[in-house]
Protein backbone atom coordinates (compact mmCIF):
# COMPACT_ATOMS: atom_id res chain seq x y z
CA MET A 1 -8.39 29.46 14.66
CA LYS A 2 -8.02 25.87 15.82
CA THR A 3 -9.59 24.61 12.61
CA GLN A 4 -7.16 26.58 10.48
CA LEU A 5 -4.23 25.26 12.49
CA ILE A 6 -5.44 21.68 12.11
CA LEU A 7 -6.00 22.12 8.37
CA ALA A 8 -2.56 23.67 7.96
CA SER A 9 -1.00 20.77 9.86
CA VAL A 10 -2.81 18.18 7.75
CA PHE A 11 -1.83 20.03 4.58
CA ALA A 12 1.82 20.14 5.68
CA VAL A 13 1.86 16.41 6.43
CA LEU A 14 0.21 15.53 3.12
CA THR A 15 2.61 17.77 1.26
CA ALA A 16 5.60 16.15 2.93
CA VAL A 17 4.33 12.65 2.13
CA SER A 18 3.43 13.31 -1.52
CA ALA A 19 5.77 12.17 -4.26
CA PRO A 20 7.90 14.91 -5.80
CA ALA A 21 7.61 13.32 -9.25
CA MET A 22 3.91 14.23 -9.33
CA ALA A 23 4.65 17.91 -8.68
CA LYS A 24 5.21 18.82 -12.32
CA GLY A 25 2.62 21.49 -13.06
CA CYS A 26 1.02 21.16 -9.64
CA LEU A 27 3.06 23.76 -7.80
CA LYS A 28 2.45 26.55 -10.28
CA GLY A 29 -1.24 25.64 -10.58
CA ALA A 30 -1.65 25.46 -6.82
CA ALA A 31 -0.07 28.87 -6.35
CA VAL A 32 -2.27 30.49 -8.97
CA GLY A 33 -5.37 28.63 -7.79
CA GLY A 34 -4.71 29.48 -4.17
CA VAL A 35 -4.45 33.18 -4.90
CA GLY A 36 -7.49 33.05 -7.15
CA GLY A 37 -9.50 31.15 -4.55
CA HIS A 38 -8.50 33.57 -1.84
CA VAL A 39 -9.48 36.58 -3.92
CA ALA A 40 -12.77 34.94 -4.99
CA GLY A 41 -14.03 34.54 -1.45
CA HIS A 42 -11.38 33.22 0.93
CA HIS A 43 -11.34 29.71 -0.54
CA GLY A 44 -7.58 29.51 -0.97
CA LEU A 45 -7.24 25.84 -0.05
CA LEU A 46 -9.95 24.78 -2.46
CA GLY A 47 -8.43 26.98 -5.16
CA ALA A 48 -5.02 25.45 -4.55
CA ALA A 49 -6.38 21.92 -4.84
CA VAL A 50 -8.20 22.67 -8.08
CA GLY A 51 -5.22 24.63 -9.40
CA CYS A 52 -2.96 21.67 -8.69
CA ALA A 53 -5.26 19.31 -10.58
CA VAL A 54 -5.52 21.66 -13.55
CA GLY A 55 -1.77 22.30 -13.56
CA ARG A 56 -1.03 18.60 -13.50
CA HIS A 57 -3.48 17.98 -16.33
CA ARG A 58 -1.91 20.71 -18.46
CA ALA A 59 1.60 19.38 -17.74
CA ASN A 60 0.56 15.88 -18.82
CA LYS A 61 -1.05 17.28 -21.96
CA ALA A 62 2.09 19.26 -22.84
CA GLU A 63 4.29 16.24 -22.16
CA LYS A 64 2.22 14.03 -24.49
CA GLN A 65 2.28 16.72 -27.17
CA ALA A 66 6.06 17.06 -26.91
CA ALA A 67 6.47 13.28 -27.13
CA ALA A 68 4.29 13.18 -30.26
CA GLN A 69 6.33 15.97 -31.86
CA ASN A 70 9.59 14.15 -31.04
CA ALA A 71 8.23 10.93 -32.52
CA ALA A 72 7.12 12.75 -35.67
CA ALA A 73 10.51 14.43 -36.01
CA LYS A 74 12.32 11.08 -35.83
CA ASN A 75 10.25 9.62 -38.68
């Protein structure tokens, strides 16, 4: 119980300190990954971290693709 409280406190502090500009894609991915990790064996925190990374990657990929389409449309 103490360990979970400490981890939750550390997570809350790191969340408060993180930059909101980096959250694009991360929040949705973390929510999905957290649920998936919890269902797959009570690894919600690990699932949330991986989900955040994947969500951020997909958001960057979509952003680059949209920029390329806008550049092609202007030419």
